[in-house]
Protein backbone atom coordinates (compact mmCIF):
# COMPACT_ATOMS: atom_id res chain seq x y z
CA UNK A 1 -0.03 0.06 0.06
CA UNK A 2 1.48 3.59 -1.05
CA UNK A 3 0.38 6.52 1.29
CA UNK A 4 0.95 10.08 0.36
CA UNK A 5 0.88 12.50 2.89
CA UNK A 6 0.61 16.14 1.38
CA UNK A 7 1.40 18.60 4.39
CA UNK A 8 -0.24 21.85 3.77
CA UNK A 9 1.02 23.69 6.96
CA UNK A 10 3.54 26.33 6.57
CA UNK A 11 5.11 25.20 9.69
CA UNK A 12 6.29 21.91 7.86
CA UNK A 13 7.16 19.35 10.38
CA UNK A 14 6.17 21.58 13.38
CA UNK A 15 2.63 21.61 12.03
CA UNK A 16 0.26 20.71 15.05
CA UNK A 17 -2.21 19.09 12.28
CA UNK A 18 0.84 17.04 11.46
CA UNK A 19 0.89 15.40 15.12
CA UNK A 20 -2.88 14.13 14.32
CA UNK A 21 -1.69 12.77 10.91
CA UNK A 22 1.33 11.09 12.46
CA UNK A 23 -0.83 9.38 15.09
CA UNK A 24 -3.17 8.36 12.44
CA UNK A 25 -0.44 6.91 10.30
CA UNK A 26 0.96 4.99 13.41
CA UNK A 27 -2.51 3.18 13.88
CA UNK A 28 -2.42 2.31 10.25
CA UNK A 29 1.19 0.77 10.22
CA UNK A 30 0.42 -1.11 13.73
CA UNK A 31 -2.60 -2.65 12.10
CA UNK A 32 -0.39 -3.47 9.20
CA UNK A 33 2.53 -4.84 10.54
CA UNK A 34 2.79 -7.92 8.09
CA UNK A 35 3.05 -5.52 5.32
CA UNK A 36 4.01 -2.15 6.26
CA UNK A 37 2.82 0.79 3.72
CA UNK A 38 5.23 2.84 1.77
CA UNK A 39 4.96 6.26 3.21
CA UNK A 40 5.59 9.30 1.00
CA UNK A 41 5.53 12.96 2.50
CA UNK A 42 5.41 16.40 0.72
CA UNK A 43 5.88 19.64 2.44
CA UNK A 44 4.06 22.03 0.12
CA UNK A 45 5.22 25.07 1.93
CA UNK A 46 8.78 24.18 1.10
CA UNK A 47 8.31 23.31 -2.55
CA UNK A 48 8.32 25.79 -5.70
CA UNK A 49 4.85 25.36 -6.74
CA UNK A 50 3.47 28.46 -8.87
CA UNK A 51 -0.25 29.68 -9.51
CA UNK A 52 -2.15 28.26 -12.32
CA UNK A 53 -2.10 30.18 -15.15
CA UNK A 54 -5.58 29.14 -16.61
CA UNK A 55 -3.76 28.64 -20.25
CA UNK A 56 -5.09 25.15 -20.82
CA UNK A 57 -1.75 24.07 -22.16
CA UNK A 58 -2.16 20.85 -20.15
CA UNK A 59 -5.56 20.26 -22.18
CA UNK A 60 -4.90 21.64 -25.80
CA UNK A 61 -1.04 21.82 -26.33
CA UNK A 62 0.49 19.08 -24.61
CA UNK A 63 -2.27 16.97 -23.08
CA UNK A 64 -1.42 15.93 -19.63
CA UNK A 65 1.58 18.23 -19.05
CA UNK A 66 1.67 21.45 -17.26
CA UNK A 67 3.66 24.32 -19.00
CA UNK A 68 5.05 25.61 -15.71
CA UNK A 69 8.26 23.77 -14.83
CA UNK A 70 8.16 23.41 -11.22
CA UNK A 71 7.85 20.71 -8.25
CA UNK A 72 4.09 20.28 -9.35
CA UNK A 73 5.07 17.60 -11.53
CA UNK A 74 6.52 15.64 -8.67
CA UNK A 75 3.09 16.22 -6.78
CA UNK A 76 1.40 14.89 -9.66
CA UNK A 77 3.19 11.82 -9.95
CA UNK A 78 2.96 10.95 -6.22
CA UNK A 79 -0.80 11.47 -6.58
CA UNK A 80 -0.97 8.92 -9.29
CA UNK A 81 1.39 6.56 -7.15
CA UNK A 82 -0.56 6.68 -3.98
CA UNK A 83 -3.30 4.22 -3.05
CA UNK A 84 -4.23 6.78 -0.07
CA UNK A 85 -3.73 10.46 0.02
CA UNK A 86 -3.87 12.35 3.43
CA UNK A 87 -4.45 15.99 2.91
CA UNK A 88 -2.97 17.54 6.45
CA UNK A 89 -3.47 21.12 6.89
CA UNK A 90 -4.46 23.80 9.38
CA UNK A 91 -7.90 25.87 8.80
CA UNK A 92 -6.85 29.16 7.24
CA UNK A 93 -10.15 31.59 7.42
CA UNK A 94 -12.48 29.00 7.25
CA UNK A 95 -10.79 27.23 4.00
CA UNK A 96 -7.55 25.83 2.68
CA UNK A 97 -3.83 27.54 3.23
CA UNK A 98 -3.21 29.60 0.18
CA UNK A 99 -0.40 27.34 -1.06
CA UNK A 100 -2.47 24.27 -0.70
CA UNK A 101 -5.24 25.71 -2.90
CA UNK A 102 -2.52 26.17 -5.59
CA UNK A 103 -1.92 22.61 -5.43
CA UNK A 104 -5.51 21.80 -5.95
CA UNK A 105 -5.95 24.23 -8.87
CA UNK A 106 -2.67 22.54 -10.48
CA UNK A 107 -4.09 19.13 -10.72
CA UNK A 108 -5.89 20.09 -13.98
CA UNK A 109 -3.64 17.75 -16.02
CA UNK A 110 -5.11 14.90 -14.35
CA UNK A 111 -8.55 15.54 -15.88
CA UNK A 112 -9.81 15.50 -19.37
CA UNK A 113 -11.57 18.50 -20.77
CA UNK A 114 -14.60 17.04 -21.74
CA UNK A 115 -17.81 17.48 -20.12
CA UNK A 116 -19.39 14.81 -17.84
CA UNK A 117 -23.24 14.97 -18.76
CA UNK A 118 -24.31 12.75 -15.82
CA UNK A 119 -22.56 15.06 -13.30
CA UNK A 120 -24.62 17.35 -11.20
CA UNK A 121 -23.32 20.82 -11.98
CA UNK A 122 -20.94 19.65 -14.33
CA UNK A 123 -17.78 18.05 -14.35
CA UNK A 124 -14.55 16.58 -16.29
CA UNK A 125 -13.72 12.82 -16.46
CA UNK A 126 -10.09 11.67 -14.96
CA UNK A 127 -7.24 11.26 -17.64
CA UNK A 128 -6.25 8.18 -15.50
CA UNK A 129 -8.09 5.60 -13.56
CA UNK A 130 -8.50 7.03 -10.04
CA UNK A 131 -11.08 4.58 -8.85
CA UNK A 132 -9.24 2.56 -6.52
CA UNK A 133 -7.92 5.49 -4.44
CA UNK A 134 -8.90 6.53 -1.12
CA UNK A 135 -8.69 10.42 0.34
CA UNK A 136 -8.47 11.36 3.77
CA UNK A 137 -8.59 15.22 5.11
CA UNK A 138 -6.99 15.75 8.28
CA UNK A 139 -7.15 19.07 9.87
CA UNK A 140 -7.15 21.32 13.18
CA UNK A 141 -8.71 24.75 13.72
CA UNK A 142 -8.19 27.36 16.32
CA UNK A 143 -11.96 27.40 17.48
CA UNK A 144 -13.31 25.30 20.25
CA UNK A 145 -15.06 22.93 17.81
CA UNK A 146 -14.68 21.79 14.16
CA UNK A 147 -18.37 21.98 13.57
CA UNK A 148 -19.96 24.55 11.06
CA UNK A 149 -16.23 25.64 10.45
CA UNK A 150 -15.28 23.34 7.69
CA UNK A 151 -18.22 23.89 5.42
CA UNK A 152 -16.25 25.35 2.67
CA UNK A 153 -13.67 22.56 2.50
CA UNK A 154 -16.36 19.94 2.79
CA UNK A 155 -18.36 21.54 -0.20
CA UNK A 156 -14.80 21.77 -2.18
CA UNK A 157 -13.99 17.93 -1.52
CA UNK A 158 -17.63 16.88 -2.16
CA UNK A 159 -17.34 18.31 -5.57
CA UNK A 160 -13.37 17.02 -6.13
CA UNK A 161 -13.95 13.56 -4.61
CA UNK A 162 -17.76 13.04 -4.50
CA UNK A 163 -20.02 13.20 -1.58
CA UNK A 164 -19.16 10.48 1.12
CA UNK A 165 -16.18 9.50 -1.07
CA UNK A 166 -13.71 10.65 1.40
CA UNK A 167 -13.04 10.41 5.04
CA UNK A 168 -12.71 13.54 7.32
CA UNK A 169 -10.89 14.01 10.86
CA UNK A 170 -11.52 17.64 11.91
CA UNK A 171 -10.45 18.66 15.21
CA UNK A 172 -11.08 21.91 17.08
CA UNK A 173 -8.64 23.47 19.73
CA UNK A 174 -5.63 22.65 17.43
CA UNK A 175 -3.43 24.89 19.03
CA UNK A 176 -3.35 22.88 22.14
CA UNK A 177 -1.11 20.59 20.55
CA UNK A 178 1.73 23.24 20.71
CA UNK A 179 1.24 23.81 24.55
CA UNK A 180 3.70 21.38 26.57
CA UNK A 181 1.57 22.17 29.71
CA UNK A 182 -1.54 20.29 28.33
CA UNK A 183 0.56 17.10 26.98
CA UNK A 184 -1.53 15.02 28.95
CA UNK A 185 -5.05 16.21 27.51
CA UNK A 186 -3.53 16.14 23.88
CA UNK A 187 -1.57 12.96 24.17
CA UNK A 188 -5.16 11.21 25.27
CA UNK A 189 -6.74 12.80 22.14
CA UNK A 190 -3.97 11.72 20.08
CA UNK A 191 -4.45 8.14 21.09
CA UNK A 192 -8.10 8.34 19.99
CA UNK A 193 -6.85 9.39 16.56
CA UNK A 194 -4.25 6.56 16.53
CA UNK A 195 -7.27 4.33 17.20
CA UNK A 196 -8.97 5.70 14.24
CA UNK A 197 -5.94 5.05 12.13
CA UNK A 198 -6.15 1.24 13.21
CA UNK A 199 -9.88 1.13 12.58
CA UNK A 200 -9.89 3.19 9.28
CA UNK A 201 -7.37 0.41 7.74
CA UNK A 202 -9.14 -2.67 8.93
CA UNK A 203 -12.83 -2.08 8.96
CA UNK A 204 -13.58 1.64 9.12
CA UNK A 205 -13.71 4.38 11.86
CA UNK A 206 -16.45 3.21 14.33
CA UNK A 207 -19.07 5.62 15.03
CA UNK A 208 -18.36 5.50 18.64
CA UNK A 209 -14.59 6.76 17.99
CA UNK A 210 -15.93 9.55 15.58
CA UNK A 211 -17.91 10.90 18.23
CA UNK A 212 -15.07 10.64 20.70
CA UNK A 213 -13.00 12.87 18.52
CA UNK A 214 -15.70 15.39 18.07
CA UNK A 215 -15.43 16.25 21.75
CA UNK A 216 -13.41 19.50 22.45
CA UNK A 217 -10.19 18.49 24.35
CA UNK A 218 -10.82 21.42 26.79
CA UNK A 219 -14.44 22.83 27.97
CA UNK A 220 -15.30 25.73 25.73
CA UNK A 221 -15.09 28.19 28.48
CA UNK A 222 -11.63 27.15 29.43
CA UNK A 223 -10.32 26.89 26.04
CA UNK A 224 -11.55 30.37 25.14
CA UNK A 225 -10.05 31.85 28.18
CA UNK A 226 -6.54 30.14 27.44
CA UNK A 227 -6.78 31.27 23.78
CA UNK A 228 -7.60 34.88 24.75
CA UNK A 229 -4.79 35.01 27.21
CA UNK A 230 -2.32 33.06 24.67
CA UNK A 231 -1.70 36.19 22.65
CA UNK A 232 -0.08 38.30 25.43
CA UNK A 233 -2.25 41.38 24.58
CA UNK A 234 -4.05 43.37 27.16
CA UNK A 235 -7.68 44.22 26.80
CA UNK A 236 -6.42 47.73 25.66
CA UNK A 237 -4.32 45.95 22.88
CA UNK A 238 -1.00 46.84 24.50
CA UNK A 239 1.63 44.24 24.63
CA UNK A 240 1.79 42.71 28.13
CA UNK A 241 4.57 41.01 30.23
CA UNK A 242 5.34 37.55 29.37
CA UNK A 243 4.90 36.51 32.95
CA UNK A 244 1.40 37.91 33.08
CA UNK A 245 0.30 36.00 29.91
CA UNK A 246 1.91 32.75 31.60
CA UNK A 247 0.02 33.41 34.68
CA UNK A 248 -3.16 34.27 33.10
CA UNK A 249 -2.91 31.17 31.22
CA UNK A 250 -2.34 29.08 34.26
CA UNK A 251 -5.16 30.75 35.84
CA UNK A 252 -7.55 29.69 33.09
CA UNK A 253 -7.07 26.27 33.83
CA UNK A 254 -8.87 26.51 37.27
CA UNK A 255 -11.48 24.00 37.79
CA UNK A 256 -14.59 25.92 39.89
CA UNK A 257 -15.64 22.54 41.14
CA UNK A 258 -12.60 22.24 43.40
CA UNK A 259 -14.08 25.45 45.29
CA UNK A 260 -14.17 24.74 49.00
CA UNK A 261 -16.48 27.79 50.20
CA UNK A 262 -13.80 30.10 50.50
CA UNK A 263 -11.89 32.16 47.74
CA UNK A 264 -8.18 31.19 47.70
CA UNK A 265 -5.78 34.11 47.06
CA UNK A 266 -2.61 32.52 45.36
CA UNK A 267 0.41 34.86 45.10
CA UNK A 268 2.85 34.09 42.37
CA UNK A 269 6.20 35.71 43.19
CA UNK A 270 8.60 35.20 40.48
CA UNK A 271 11.69 36.01 42.27
CA UNK A 272 14.02 36.36 39.22
CA UNK A 273 12.34 39.04 37.56
CA UNK A 274 10.77 40.96 40.29
CA UNK A 275 7.36 40.27 39.40
CA UNK A 276 4.27 39.46 41.60
CA UNK A 277 0.60 38.48 40.69
CA UNK A 278 -2.25 37.42 42.66
CA UNK A 279 -4.32 34.51 41.30
CA UNK A 280 -8.02 34.72 42.81
CA UNK A 281 -9.62 31.15 42.80
CA UNK A 282 -13.22 32.01 43.41
CA UNK A 283 -16.68 30.05 43.29
CA UNK A 284 -17.33 30.34 39.75
CA UNK A 285 -14.07 31.57 37.94
CA UNK A 286 -10.34 32.43 38.47
CA UNK A 287 -8.75 35.96 37.73
CA UNK A 288 -5.20 37.67 37.91
CA UNK A 289 -4.48 40.94 39.55
CA UNK A 290 -1.78 42.91 39.17
CA UNK A 291 -2.32 45.34 41.80
CA UNK A 292 -3.81 44.19 45.29
CA UNK A 293 -3.75 44.18 48.76
CA UNK A 294 -4.70 42.03 51.82
CA UNK A 295 -3.08 38.85 53.21
CA UNK A 296 -2.84 35.82 50.42
CA UNK A 297 -3.58 32.14 51.45
CA UNK A 298 -0.68 30.96 49.85
CA UNK A 299 2.61 32.60 48.39
CA UNK A 300 4.85 30.55 46.04
CA UNK A 301 8.33 32.15 45.73
CA UNK A 302 9.80 30.99 42.66
CA UNK A 303 12.18 31.78 39.85
CA UNK A 304 9.96 32.34 36.52
CA UNK A 305 12.23 29.90 34.61
CA UNK A 306 11.81 27.23 37.12
CA UNK A 307 7.69 27.45 37.23
CA UNK A 308 7.75 27.61 33.42
CA UNK A 309 9.75 24.25 33.38
CA UNK A 310 7.49 22.81 35.71
CA UNK A 311 4.50 23.79 33.67
CA UNK A 312 5.92 22.56 30.26
CA UNK A 313 6.63 19.15 32.15
CA UNK A 314 10.56 19.79 31.89
CA UNK A 315 10.80 19.48 35.47
CA UNK A 316 8.62 17.52 38.03
CA UNK A 317 7.11 20.22 40.38
CA UNK A 318 7.36 18.25 43.72
CA UNK A 319 11.05 17.21 43.10
CA UNK A 320 11.97 20.89 42.37
CA UNK A 321 10.21 21.66 45.87
CA UNK A 322 12.39 18.65 47.35
CA UNK A 323 15.55 20.43 45.95
CA UNK A 324 14.69 23.93 47.18
CA UNK A 325 14.33 25.30 43.75
CA UNK A 326 11.21 27.12 44.77
CA UNK A 327 9.46 27.69 48.26
CA UNK A 328 6.01 27.93 49.58
CA UNK A 329 4.60 30.39 52.12
CA UNK A 330 1.22 29.91 53.98
CA UNK A 331 -1.04 27.19 53.53
CA UNK A 332 0.17 24.20 51.64
CA UNK A 333 -3.19 22.67 50.76
CA UNK A 334 -3.47 24.25 47.53
CA UNK A 335 -0.09 22.65 46.33
CA UNK A 336 -1.31 19.15 47.76
CA UNK A 337 -4.65 19.69 45.60
CA UNK A 338 -2.72 21.41 42.57
CA UNK A 339 -4.05 18.84 40.17
CA UNK A 340 -7.74 19.10 41.75
CA UNK A 341 -7.50 23.15 41.34
CA UNK A 342 -5.88 23.36 37.95
CA UNK A 343 -5.88 19.80 36.30
CA UNK A 344 -8.83 20.40 33.89
CA UNK A 345 -9.81 17.08 32.57
CA UNK A 346 -10.28 16.72 28.87
CA UNK A 347 -13.62 15.37 27.69
CA UNK A 348 -12.27 12.26 26.32
CA UNK A 349 -11.31 11.29 29.85
CA UNK A 350 -14.47 12.20 31.80
CA UNK A 351 -16.14 8.94 30.94
CA UNK A 352 -13.51 7.12 33.09
CA UNK A 353 -14.25 9.49 36.08
CA UNK A 354 -16.82 7.68 37.62
CA UNK A 355 -14.97 4.44 37.82
CA UNK A 356 -12.11 6.16 39.58
CA UNK A 357 -14.24 7.85 42.29
CA UNK A 358 -15.56 3.92 42.72
CA UNK A 359 -12.16 2.46 43.16
CA UNK A 360 -11.14 4.49 46.25
CA UNK A 361 -9.32 2.70 48.99
CA UNK A 362 -10.38 2.54 52.47
CA UNK A 363 -8.54 2.46 55.59
CA UNK A 364 -11.20 0.91 57.68
CA UNK A 365 -10.89 -2.20 55.62
CA UNK A 366 -7.35 -3.00 56.73
CA UNK A 367 -8.01 -1.71 60.55
CA UNK A 368 -11.37 -3.16 61.29
CA UNK A 369 -10.45 -6.71 61.83
CA UNK A 370 -7.36 -6.41 63.65
CA UNK A 371 -9.33 -3.86 66.09
CA UNK A 372 -12.11 -6.43 66.39
CA UNK A 373 -9.80 -9.06 67.24
CA UNK A 374 -8.01 -7.12 69.90
CA UNK A 375 -11.14 -5.80 71.53
CA UNK A 376 -13.35 -8.97 71.37
CA UNK A 377 -10.91 -11.74 72.12
CA UNK A 378 -9.76 -9.62 75.24
CA UNK A 379 -13.29 -9.63 76.53
CA UNK A 380 -14.14 -13.36 75.66
CA UNK A 381 -11.55 -15.37 73.70
CA UNK A 382 -14.14 -18.24 72.25
CA UNK A 383 -16.85 -15.69 70.97
CA UNK A 384 -14.27 -12.92 70.11
CA UNK A 385 -12.49 -15.22 67.97
CA UNK A 386 -15.79 -16.38 66.10
CA UNK A 387 -16.78 -12.84 65.62
CA UNK A 388 -13.33 -11.82 64.51
CA UNK A 389 -13.32 -14.51 61.72
CA UNK A 390 -17.16 -13.27 60.94
CA UNK A 391 -16.01 -9.93 60.52
CA UNK A 392 -12.97 -10.82 58.28
CA UNK A 393 -15.18 -12.73 56.04
CA UNK A 394 -17.93 -9.95 56.03
CA UNK A 395 -15.77 -7.04 55.01
CA UNK A 396 -14.99 -8.01 51.35
CA UNK A 397 -18.83 -7.56 51.11
CA UNK A 398 -19.10 -4.43 53.08
CA UNK A 399 -16.16 -2.94 50.85
CA UNK A 400 -17.32 -4.38 47.53
CA UNK A 401 -16.93 -1.16 45.81
CA UNK A 402 -13.72 -0.08 46.93
CA UNK A 403 -10.28 -1.09 45.65
CA UNK A 404 -8.62 -3.78 47.36
CA UNK A 405 -5.03 -3.40 48.47
CA UNK A 406 -2.53 -6.26 49.42
CA UNK A 407 -2.73 -4.90 52.94
CA UNK A 408 -6.63 -5.79 53.21
CA UNK A 409 -6.06 -9.30 51.87
CA UNK A 410 -3.21 -9.96 54.31
CA UNK A 411 -5.23 -8.27 57.45
CA UNK A 412 -8.31 -10.58 56.55
CA UNK A 413 -6.25 -13.56 56.28
CA UNK A 414 -3.83 -12.83 59.11
CA UNK A 415 -6.57 -12.07 61.70
CA UNK A 416 -8.49 -15.30 60.67
CA UNK A 417 -5.59 -17.26 61.49
CA UNK A 418 -4.98 -15.60 64.86
CA UNK A 419 -8.50 -16.27 65.81
CA UNK A 420 -8.31 -19.79 64.91
CA UNK A 421 -5.13 -20.22 67.22
CA UNK A 422 -7.21 -19.02 69.93
CA UNK A 423 -9.98 -21.49 69.17
CA UNK A 424 -7.55 -24.31 69.25
CA UNK A 425 -6.78 -23.02 72.91
CA UNK A 426 -3.37 -21.68 72.05
CA UNK A 427 -2.73 -19.12 75.03
CA UNK A 428 -4.13 -15.55 74.28
CA UNK A 429 -1.11 -14.12 76.10
CA UNK A 430 0.88 -15.72 73.16
CA UNK A 431 -1.45 -15.04 70.34
CA UNK A 432 -2.39 -11.43 71.20
CA UNK A 433 1.28 -10.22 71.34
CA UNK A 434 2.09 -12.01 68.18
CA UNK A 435 -0.65 -10.40 66.25
CA UNK A 436 0.45 -6.80 67.34
CA UNK A 437 3.79 -7.94 66.10
CA UNK A 438 2.59 -9.17 62.84
CA UNK A 439 0.50 -6.00 62.50
CA UNK A 440 3.37 -3.71 63.21
CA UNK A 441 5.72 -6.06 60.77
CA UNK A 442 3.22 -5.48 57.95
CA UNK A 443 3.56 -1.68 58.66
CA UNK A 444 7.33 -1.66 58.95
CA UNK A 445 7.90 -3.84 55.57
CA UNK A 446 5.46 -1.49 53.75
CA UNK A 447 7.62 1.62 55.03
CA UNK A 448 10.56 0.06 52.84
CA UNK A 449 8.65 -0.62 49.70
CA UNK A 450 8.14 2.03 46.84
CA UNK A 451 4.67 2.79 48.03
CA UNK A 452 4.12 2.50 51.90
CA UNK A 453 0.94 1.51 53.55
CA UNK A 454 -0.52 4.91 54.51
CA UNK A 455 -0.12 6.39 51.15
CA UNK A 456 -2.32 3.49 49.61
CA UNK A 457 -5.19 4.96 51.57
CA UNK A 458 -4.25 8.84 51.92
CA UNK A 459 -3.92 8.93 48.27
CA UNK A 460 -7.78 9.44 47.88
CA UNK A 461 -7.47 12.95 49.06
CA UNK A 462 -4.51 13.87 46.95
CA UNK A 463 -5.54 12.72 43.12
CA UNK A 464 -5.52 9.16 43.55
CA UNK A 465 -2.75 7.15 41.87
CA UNK A 466 -1.16 10.18 40.53
CA UNK A 467 -0.25 11.01 44.28
CA UNK A 468 2.42 8.21 43.75
CA UNK A 469 4.32 10.27 41.45
CA UNK A 470 4.92 13.04 44.19
CA UNK A 471 8.16 12.32 46.12
CA UNK A 472 7.16 14.68 48.92
CA UNK A 473 3.88 12.74 49.28
CA UNK A 474 5.64 9.46 49.24
CA UNK A 475 8.34 10.47 51.85
CA UNK A 476 5.54 11.70 54.36
CA UNK A 477 3.75 8.78 54.23
CA UNK A 478 7.05 6.73 54.47
CA UNK A 479 7.96 8.24 57.62
CA UNK A 480 4.47 7.87 59.08
CA UNK A 481 4.30 4.19 58.10
CA UNK A 482 7.61 3.70 59.79
CA UNK A 483 6.45 5.41 62.89
CA UNK A 484 3.48 3.21 63.04
CA UNK A 485 5.36 0.07 62.35
CA UNK A 486 7.69 0.94 65.60
CA UNK A 487 4.87 1.68 67.52
CA UNK A 488 3.04 -1.87 66.83
CA UNK A 489 6.23 -3.62 66.71
CA UNK A 490 6.90 -2.48 70.58
CA UNK A 491 3.40 -2.97 71.46
CA UNK A 492 3.73 -6.64 72.13
CA UNK A 493 6.39 -6.02 74.87
CA UNK A 494 4.01 -4.44 77.31
CA UNK A 495 1.02 -6.46 76.08
CA UNK A 496 2.56 -9.55 76.97
CA UNK A 497 3.36 -8.30 80.88
CA UNK A 498 -0.07 -6.72 81.15
CA UNK A 499 -1.78 -9.94 79.98
CA UNK A 500 -0.16 -11.87 82.75
CA UNK A 501 -2.11 -9.28 85.35
CA UNK A 502 -5.55 -8.73 86.28
CA UNK A 503 -5.74 -5.74 83.65
CA UNK A 504 -5.60 -8.37 80.87
CA UNK A 505 -9.20 -8.01 79.85
CA UNK A 506 -8.58 -4.35 79.32
CA UNK A 507 -5.69 -4.74 77.12
CA UNK A 508 -7.82 -3.93 73.71
CA UNK A 509 -8.79 -0.80 75.33
CA UNK A 510 -5.09 0.27 77.07
CA UNK A 511 -3.58 -0.28 73.36
CA UNK A 512 -6.05 2.16 72.02
CA UNK A 513 -4.56 5.26 73.89
CA UNK A 514 -1.15 5.08 72.22
CA UNK A 515 -2.58 4.83 68.76
CA UNK A 516 -4.96 7.60 69.41
CA UNK A 517 -2.17 9.77 70.41
CA UNK A 518 -0.33 8.62 67.33
CA UNK A 519 -3.39 9.63 65.14
CA UNK A 520 -3.37 13.20 66.40
CA UNK A 521 0.62 13.26 65.61
CA UNK A 522 -0.10 11.83 62.11
CA UNK A 523 -2.80 14.37 61.13
CA UNK A 524 -0.34 17.25 62.34
CA UNK A 525 2.75 15.67 60.64
CA UNK A 526 0.96 15.27 57.28
CA UNK A 527 0.40 18.96 57.17
CA UNK A 528 3.55 20.27 59.16
CA UNK A 529 6.18 18.17 57.39
CA UNK A 530 5.16 19.19 53.92
CA UNK A 531 4.94 22.92 54.92
CA UNK A 532 8.55 22.52 56.49
CA UNK A 533 10.02 21.30 53.26
CA UNK A 534 7.97 23.91 51.31
CA UNK A 535 9.50 26.84 53.31
CA UNK A 536 12.62 25.86 51.95
CA UNK A 537 13.93 24.45 55.12
CA UNK A 538 16.10 21.37 54.83
CA UNK A 539 16.79 20.70 58.51
């Protein structure tokens, strides 16, 4: 199979549209691994193609040959060679870029001069057999949607190829593909384009895939705010400071659904250029102020170049914070929930949001069987053990909507084993301390793993699995997990001695005091430690 890509963008290889075309071709090639197609590319803007003179030399004087000696002869040869032609271009003023229209005008040598009597409105027969060739149009535009913006393009190719005789893939919000800060959203869209390519070459693009591709990458209001801010021009028409343009674009990504009842005043202090702006995150929208007073909620002190690199994905924000490349003053909550405030999800991802919510972990799943064992078995060994086994079996049904972790499974199994040990009359003064030791061992070993135990459950408040990519989040939870592990590794020592006294039936209650204190410490440490790092203190 021969595929010709006609790139009509004046940006050449840097074309936004060409990124879609490449993804589409990748889908085709992966589907045809056993017989890879031969692909040729023509970058029209870099070729010498002059306007048609309207002299009909190619019809009257030397049929099939143009009198203009330029690169158009190569284009005609490739058009005849190709089995599939992909026209890749941006939308210019609701039509084709000028040099691409010239290419279409110069295709006259491929037609015969005679009239087609059966053609609606008139037409000319092809000079060569073009019946087996296929055509695809791939294009991006700068509006939030492609709908109604390609009417003139479709009318033109309806006449050239015949209505419903070609395939089109038109994408709005095309400029987003040149924004590194939105690579996650655009990559998700490109994956859909890849899928369309794979479907096209096998059985045709499915209607479901077409509908997905028609959805805007960002919601209209967000995209249009970003587009307006991107020009770097104030409402008065004057050129504005680059850092202000950058900050306004960042603010345009604000998700009002993250509003928590109080406006957040986020000050961006660009220390290397002496500029400071206030981003107000309100109930319905965000705004950027150049002049302001009053205390901010949070201040980010950062070199502009550092924050720019973080936004572009060239540098991981949490790692930059750990290296003290920037610092944070005031409430750290906005930093921990950054993706919630500014992580606008693309529409093609929103269909998965429900499933993500339903797959949250729950700390109660891992703690409940242990607590029941320690309390119930200390009151009555036989019935307490039976209750512990019953609870361990019941929990998977109670938490059936939650995502299970390895610690949930281990806890249910371990508590059942310890309960059985009590039922076969192994002394409780041996089993109960062993259970505390096993619980502490689970926490301690977890602290050495890539994802510590507490992180598996606290991630729900910090963007789910995305939190695992935050080294500050992981380090905070590693310290806490290790602290809980040490506590429960030491607990068997005093538990063993207390169980030899008359206070043994209260061991469950006694061993709840230190964990309660530890719980208070955990809540405070989770806020204090990240803020300590954020303030730039390495001590």
